């Protein structure tokens, strides 16, 4: 590669296969990243609105045991 001050230019045509391979690698990475963003957008859309918390559901997803009520207040018997 030759740096002419503004953009890089290939020094010889034998570099073209490497440049094409790098372009394909970048395309694949960009496609995977866009797909991940789409999956994240879908997950965000399915998630309840901000400020609404279902602690048991969140704990279940996180693999935490169900929370016990230790407030000392007993319910109706």
N, C-alpha and C. Protein backbone atom coordinates (compact mmCIF):
# COMPACT_ATOMS: atom_id res chain seq x y z
N UNK A 1 0.84 -1.17 0.00
CA UNK A 1 0.00 0.00 0.00
C UNK A 1 0.89 1.24 0.00
N UNK A 2 0.39 2.25 -0.66
CA UNK A 2 1.11 3.51 -0.74
C UNK A 2 0.20 4.59 -0.17
N UNK A 3 0.72 5.38 0.75
CA UNK A 3 -0.05 6.47 1.34
C UNK A 3 0.31 7.75 0.60
N UNK A 4 -0.62 8.26 -0.18
CA UNK A 4 -0.39 9.47 -0.96
C UNK A 4 -0.91 10.71 -0.22
N UNK A 5 -1.13 10.60 1.06
CA UNK A 5 -1.58 11.73 1.84
C UNK A 5 -3.08 11.80 2.04
N UNK A 6 -3.86 11.32 1.09
CA UNK A 6 -5.31 11.38 1.24
C UNK A 6 -5.92 10.00 1.45
N UNK A 7 -5.64 9.07 0.58
CA UNK A 7 -6.16 7.71 0.71
C UNK A 7 -5.05 6.72 0.41
N UNK A 8 -5.22 5.52 0.91
CA UNK A 8 -4.25 4.47 0.59
C UNK A 8 -4.54 3.94 -0.80
N UNK A 9 -3.49 3.64 -1.53
CA UNK A 9 -3.63 3.09 -2.87
C UNK A 9 -2.83 1.79 -2.94
N UNK A 10 -3.38 0.77 -3.62
CA UNK A 10 -2.62 -0.47 -3.76
C UNK A 10 -1.38 -0.23 -4.61
N UNK A 11 -0.29 -0.83 -4.20
CA UNK A 11 0.96 -0.66 -4.94
C UNK A 11 1.01 -1.55 -6.17
N UNK A 12 0.28 -2.66 -6.17
CA UNK A 12 0.27 -3.55 -7.33
C UNK A 12 -1.01 -4.36 -7.34
N UNK A 13 -1.37 -4.84 -8.52
CA UNK A 13 -2.63 -5.59 -8.67
C UNK A 13 -2.61 -6.94 -7.96
N UNK A 14 -1.44 -7.43 -7.60
CA UNK A 14 -1.39 -8.72 -6.91
C UNK A 14 -2.00 -8.63 -5.51
N UNK A 15 -2.25 -7.41 -5.03
CA UNK A 15 -2.89 -7.23 -3.73
C UNK A 15 -4.40 -7.42 -3.79
N UNK A 16 -4.98 -7.41 -5.01
CA UNK A 16 -6.43 -7.48 -5.14
C UNK A 16 -7.07 -8.68 -4.45
N UNK A 17 -6.53 -9.89 -4.57
CA UNK A 17 -7.17 -11.02 -3.87
C UNK A 17 -7.25 -10.79 -2.36
N UNK A 18 -6.18 -10.25 -1.78
CA UNK A 18 -6.19 -9.97 -0.35
C UNK A 18 -7.21 -8.89 -0.01
N UNK A 19 -7.31 -7.87 -0.85
CA UNK A 19 -8.27 -6.79 -0.61
C UNK A 19 -9.70 -7.30 -0.72
N UNK A 20 -9.96 -8.16 -1.71
CA UNK A 20 -11.29 -8.74 -1.85
C UNK A 20 -11.63 -9.64 -0.67
N UNK A 21 -10.66 -10.41 -0.20
CA UNK A 21 -10.87 -11.30 0.94
C UNK A 21 -11.19 -10.46 2.19
N UNK A 22 -10.46 -9.38 2.38
CA UNK A 22 -10.71 -8.50 3.53
C UNK A 22 -12.09 -7.86 3.43
N UNK A 23 -12.48 -7.46 2.23
CA UNK A 23 -13.81 -6.88 2.02
C UNK A 23 -14.89 -7.90 2.38
N UNK A 24 -14.72 -9.14 1.98
CA UNK A 24 -15.69 -10.20 2.29
C UNK A 24 -15.76 -10.44 3.80
N UNK A 25 -14.62 -10.42 4.46
CA UNK A 25 -14.58 -10.61 5.91
C UNK A 25 -15.34 -9.49 6.62
N UNK A 26 -15.13 -8.27 6.18
CA UNK A 26 -15.83 -7.12 6.77
C UNK A 26 -17.33 -7.23 6.51
N UNK A 27 -17.71 -7.62 5.30
CA UNK A 27 -19.13 -7.79 4.97
C UNK A 27 -19.79 -8.83 5.89
N UNK A 28 -19.10 -9.96 6.11
CA UNK A 28 -19.64 -11.00 6.98
C UNK A 28 -19.80 -10.50 8.41
N UNK A 29 -18.79 -9.78 8.89
CA UNK A 29 -18.86 -9.25 10.26
C UNK A 29 -19.99 -8.22 10.39
N UNK A 30 -20.14 -7.37 9.39
CA UNK A 30 -21.21 -6.36 9.42
C UNK A 30 -22.58 -7.03 9.38
N UNK A 31 -22.73 -8.07 8.58
CA UNK A 31 -24.00 -8.79 8.50
C UNK A 31 -24.34 -9.43 9.84
N UNK A 32 -23.35 -10.04 10.47
CA UNK A 32 -23.58 -10.67 11.78
C UNK A 32 -23.94 -9.62 12.82
N UNK A 33 -23.28 -8.48 12.78
CA UNK A 33 -23.56 -7.41 13.73
C UNK A 33 -24.97 -6.86 13.54
N UNK A 34 -25.38 -6.66 12.30
CA UNK A 34 -26.73 -6.17 12.02
C UNK A 34 -27.79 -7.18 12.47
N UNK A 35 -27.52 -8.47 12.28
CA UNK A 35 -28.46 -9.50 12.72
C UNK A 35 -28.57 -9.50 14.24
N UNK A 36 -27.45 -9.32 14.92
CA UNK A 36 -27.47 -9.25 16.39
C UNK A 36 -28.27 -8.04 16.85
N UNK A 37 -28.11 -6.92 16.16
CA UNK A 37 -28.88 -5.72 16.50
C UNK A 37 -30.37 -5.96 16.30
N UNK A 38 -30.74 -6.64 15.22
CA UNK A 38 -32.15 -6.95 14.97
C UNK A 38 -32.73 -7.84 16.06
N UNK A 39 -31.95 -8.84 16.50
CA UNK A 39 -32.42 -9.71 17.58
C UNK A 39 -32.58 -8.93 18.88
N UNK A 40 -31.65 -8.02 19.15
CA UNK A 40 -31.73 -7.19 20.34
C UNK A 40 -32.94 -6.26 20.27
N UNK A 41 -33.19 -5.67 19.11
CA UNK A 41 -34.37 -4.81 18.94
C UNK A 41 -35.65 -5.60 19.20
N UNK A 42 -35.72 -6.84 18.72
CA UNK A 42 -36.90 -7.67 18.94
C UNK A 42 -37.07 -7.98 20.42
N UNK A 43 -35.97 -8.26 21.11
CA UNK A 43 -36.03 -8.54 22.54
C UNK A 43 -36.49 -7.30 23.30
N UNK A 44 -35.96 -6.15 22.94
CA UNK A 44 -36.37 -4.90 23.58
C UNK A 44 -37.86 -4.66 23.38
N UNK A 45 -38.34 -4.91 22.18
CA UNK A 45 -39.76 -4.70 21.88
C UNK A 45 -40.66 -5.63 22.69
N UNK A 46 -40.18 -6.82 23.02
CA UNK A 46 -40.97 -7.78 23.79
C UNK A 46 -40.89 -7.58 25.29
N UNK A 47 -39.93 -6.77 25.73
CA UNK A 47 -39.72 -6.55 27.16
C UNK A 47 -40.73 -5.53 27.67
N UNK A 48 -41.16 -5.72 28.91
CA UNK A 48 -42.14 -4.79 29.48
C UNK A 48 -41.58 -3.38 29.53
N UNK A 49 -42.48 -2.45 29.70
CA UNK A 49 -42.10 -1.04 29.69
C UNK A 49 -41.16 -0.72 30.85
N UNK A 50 -40.31 0.29 30.68
CA UNK A 50 -39.36 0.67 31.73
C UNK A 50 -40.10 1.03 33.02
N UNK A 51 -39.52 0.66 34.14
CA UNK A 51 -40.11 0.98 35.42
C UNK A 51 -41.04 -0.11 35.95
N UNK A 52 -41.46 -1.02 35.10
CA UNK A 52 -42.31 -2.12 35.53
C UNK A 52 -41.41 -3.31 35.78
N UNK A 53 -41.41 -3.81 37.02
CA UNK A 53 -40.50 -4.88 37.36
C UNK A 53 -41.26 -6.09 37.88
N UNK A 54 -40.96 -7.21 37.34
CA UNK A 54 -41.48 -8.48 37.84
C UNK A 54 -40.26 -9.21 38.40
N UNK A 55 -40.02 -9.01 39.69
CA UNK A 55 -38.79 -9.52 40.29
C UNK A 55 -38.67 -11.04 40.19
N UNK A 56 -39.78 -11.76 40.32
CA UNK A 56 -39.71 -13.22 40.22
C UNK A 56 -39.29 -13.67 38.83
N UNK A 57 -39.84 -13.01 37.80
CA UNK A 57 -39.49 -13.36 36.42
C UNK A 57 -38.02 -13.05 36.16
N UNK A 58 -37.56 -11.89 36.65
CA UNK A 58 -36.16 -11.52 36.44
C UNK A 58 -35.23 -12.49 37.16
N UNK A 59 -35.61 -12.89 38.37
CA UNK A 59 -34.79 -13.84 39.13
C UNK A 59 -34.75 -15.19 38.43
N UNK A 60 -35.89 -15.60 37.85
CA UNK A 60 -35.94 -16.89 37.15
C UNK A 60 -35.03 -16.87 35.94
N UNK A 61 -35.04 -15.78 35.20
CA UNK A 61 -34.19 -15.66 34.02
C UNK A 61 -32.72 -15.67 34.42
N UNK A 62 -32.42 -15.03 35.55
CA UNK A 62 -31.03 -14.95 36.02
C UNK A 62 -30.59 -16.23 36.71
N UNK A 63 -31.53 -17.18 36.91
CA UNK A 63 -31.18 -18.44 37.56
C UNK A 63 -31.07 -18.33 39.07
N UNK A 64 -31.65 -17.28 39.63
CA UNK A 64 -31.61 -17.08 41.07
C UNK A 64 -32.79 -17.80 41.71
N UNK A 65 -32.62 -18.21 42.98
CA UNK A 65 -33.75 -18.85 43.66
C UNK A 65 -34.87 -17.84 43.90
N UNK A 66 -36.07 -18.35 44.05
CA UNK A 66 -37.23 -17.51 44.31
C UNK A 66 -37.03 -16.77 45.63
N UNK A 67 -37.38 -15.48 45.65
CA UNK A 67 -37.19 -14.67 46.85
C UNK A 67 -38.23 -15.05 47.90
N UNK A 68 -37.78 -15.13 49.13
CA UNK A 68 -38.66 -15.41 50.25
C UNK A 68 -39.07 -14.10 50.91
N UNK A 69 -40.29 -14.04 51.43
CA UNK A 69 -40.76 -12.85 52.13
C UNK A 69 -40.32 -12.96 53.59
N UNK A 70 -39.37 -12.13 53.97
CA UNK A 70 -38.86 -12.11 55.34
C UNK A 70 -39.23 -10.80 56.02
N UNK A 71 -40.35 -10.21 55.64
CA UNK A 71 -40.72 -8.91 56.18
C UNK A 71 -41.25 -9.01 57.61
N UNK A 72 -41.58 -10.20 58.07
CA UNK A 72 -42.10 -10.36 59.41
C UNK A 72 -43.60 -10.14 59.48
N UNK A 73 -44.19 -9.81 58.38
CA UNK A 73 -45.63 -9.58 58.35
C UNK A 73 -46.28 -10.85 57.83
N UNK A 74 -47.16 -11.41 58.63
CA UNK A 74 -47.81 -12.63 58.17
C UNK A 74 -49.14 -12.29 57.54
N UNK A 75 -49.49 -13.03 56.54
CA UNK A 75 -50.72 -12.81 55.81
C UNK A 75 -51.90 -13.44 56.53
N UNK A 76 -53.08 -13.35 55.92
CA UNK A 76 -54.28 -13.94 56.53
C UNK A 76 -54.16 -15.45 56.66
N UNK A 77 -54.74 -15.95 57.73
CA UNK A 77 -54.68 -17.40 57.98
C UNK A 77 -56.03 -17.98 57.92
